[in-house]
């Protein structure tokens, strides 16, 4: 059984609390802005390495992106 982890709402909330635009987060995380948009709108599920990049860019633990 595959577990699907969508992080859209948490990712957006954390990004906004850090006053980062999607473009800035994409730049810092080494991703495209389209990827950030797709993740925030739950159009795609993040790869574990993507979680790591986002967590590092946002200065949070990767678990913070998965749990409230």
C-alpha atoms as a PDB file:
ATOM      1  CA  UNK A   1       0.000   0.000   0.000  1.00  0.00           C
ATOM      2  CA  UNK A   2       1.369   3.387  -1.019  1.00  0.00           C
ATOM      3  CA  UNK A   3       1.029   6.343   1.318  1.00  0.00           C
ATOM      4  CA  UNK A   4       0.390   9.658  -0.384  1.00  0.00           C
ATOM      5  CA  UNK A   5       1.688  12.762   1.362  1.00  0.00           C
ATOM      6  CA  UNK A   6       0.371  16.089   0.198  1.00  0.00           C
ATOM      7  CA  UNK A   7       1.993  19.088   1.852  1.00  0.00           C
ATOM      8  CA  UNK A   8       0.313  22.019   0.108  1.00  0.00           C
ATOM      9  CA  UNK A   9      -1.331  23.844   2.988  1.00  0.00           C
ATOM     10  CA  UNK A  10       1.583  23.354   5.398  1.00  0.00           C
ATOM     11  CA  UNK A  11       4.147  24.354   2.796  1.00  0.00           C
ATOM     12  CA  UNK A  12       2.255  27.524   1.922  1.00  0.00           C
ATOM     13  CA  UNK A  13       1.669  28.447   5.570  1.00  0.00           C
ATOM     14  CA  UNK A  14       5.345  28.019   6.487  1.00  0.00           C
ATOM     15  CA  UNK A  15       6.486  29.886   3.363  1.00  0.00           C
ATOM     16  CA  UNK A  16       4.198  32.812   4.140  1.00  0.00           C
ATOM     17  CA  UNK A  17       5.288  33.001   7.789  1.00  0.00           C
ATOM     18  CA  UNK A  18       8.804  33.455   6.471  1.00  0.00           C
ATOM     19  CA  UNK A  19       7.621  36.162   4.067  1.00  0.00           C
ATOM     20  CA  UNK A  20       8.906  34.249   1.048  1.00  0.00           C
ATOM     21  CA  UNK A  21       7.377  34.323  -2.394  1.00  0.00           C
ATOM     22  CA  UNK A  22       6.992  31.115  -4.371  1.00  0.00           C
ATOM     23  CA  UNK A  23       9.689  32.412  -6.692  1.00  0.00           C
ATOM     24  CA  UNK A  24      12.133  33.027  -3.822  1.00  0.00           C
ATOM     25  CA  UNK A  25      11.473  29.625  -2.281  1.00  0.00           C
ATOM     26  CA  UNK A  26      12.012  27.972  -5.648  1.00  0.00           C
ATOM     27  CA  UNK A  27      15.290  29.851  -6.086  1.00  0.00           C
ATOM     28  CA  UNK A  28      16.609  28.988  -2.616  1.00  0.00           C
ATOM     29  CA  UNK A  29      15.506  25.344  -2.876  1.00  0.00           C
ATOM     30  CA  UNK A  30      16.913  24.924  -6.390  1.00  0.00           C
ATOM     31  CA  UNK A  31      13.529  24.101  -7.883  1.00  0.00           C
ATOM     32  CA  UNK A  32      11.195  25.646 -10.433  1.00  0.00           C
ATOM     33  CA  UNK A  33       8.418  27.985  -9.379  1.00  0.00           C
ATOM     34  CA  UNK A  34       5.999  25.662 -11.195  1.00  0.00           C
ATOM     35  CA  UNK A  35       7.079  22.831  -8.854  1.00  0.00           C
ATOM     36  CA  UNK A  36       6.297  24.997  -5.818  1.00  0.00           C
ATOM     37  CA  UNK A  37       2.892  25.914  -7.256  1.00  0.00           C
ATOM     38  CA  UNK A  38       2.115  22.248  -7.957  1.00  0.00           C
ATOM     39  CA  UNK A  39       3.142  21.214  -4.444  1.00  0.00           C
ATOM     40  CA  UNK A  40       1.140  23.984  -2.769  1.00  0.00           C
ATOM     41  CA  UNK A  41      -1.958  23.101  -4.769  1.00  0.00           C
ATOM     42  CA  UNK A  42      -1.463  19.370  -4.125  1.00  0.00           C
ATOM     43  CA  UNK A  43      -1.136  18.619  -7.835  1.00  0.00           C
ATOM     44  CA  UNK A  44       1.945  16.561  -7.080  1.00  0.00           C
ATOM     45  CA  UNK A  45       3.361  14.593  -4.203  1.00  0.00           C
ATOM     46  CA  UNK A  46       6.873  15.554  -3.070  1.00  0.00           C
ATOM     47  CA  UNK A  47       9.818  13.185  -3.483  1.00  0.00           C
ATOM     48  CA  UNK A  48      11.771  12.690  -0.237  1.00  0.00           C
ATOM     49  CA  UNK A  49      14.712  14.649  -1.640  1.00  0.00           C
ATOM     50  CA  UNK A  50      12.331  17.494  -2.489  1.00  0.00           C
ATOM     51  CA  UNK A  51      11.134  17.556   1.112  1.00  0.00           C
ATOM     52  CA  UNK A  52      14.728  17.924   2.200  1.00  0.00           C
ATOM     53  CA  UNK A  53      15.374  20.814  -0.192  1.00  0.00           C
ATOM     54  CA  UNK A  54      12.226  22.620   0.889  1.00  0.00           C
ATOM     55  CA  UNK A  55      12.883  22.075   4.581  1.00  0.00           C
ATOM     56  CA  UNK A  56      16.422  23.395   4.246  1.00  0.00           C
ATOM     57  CA  UNK A  57      15.259  26.433   2.265  1.00  0.00           C
ATOM     58  CA  UNK A  58      12.592  27.176   4.883  1.00  0.00           C
ATOM     59  CA  UNK A  59      14.890  26.362   7.821  1.00  0.00           C
ATOM     60  CA  UNK A  60      12.547  23.718   9.259  1.00  0.00           C
ATOM     61  CA  UNK A  61      12.722  20.013   9.940  1.00  0.00           C
ATOM     62  CA  UNK A  62      11.305  17.963   7.037  1.00  0.00           C
ATOM     63  CA  UNK A  63       8.789  16.473   9.468  1.00  0.00           C
ATOM     64  CA  UNK A  64       7.329  19.972   9.922  1.00  0.00           C
ATOM     65  CA  UNK A  65       6.181  19.822   6.305  1.00  0.00           C
ATOM     66  CA  UNK A  66       4.371  16.554   6.914  1.00  0.00           C
ATOM     67  CA  UNK A  67       2.729  17.146  10.288  1.00  0.00           C
ATOM     68  CA  UNK A  68       0.697  19.914  11.872  1.00  0.00           C
END
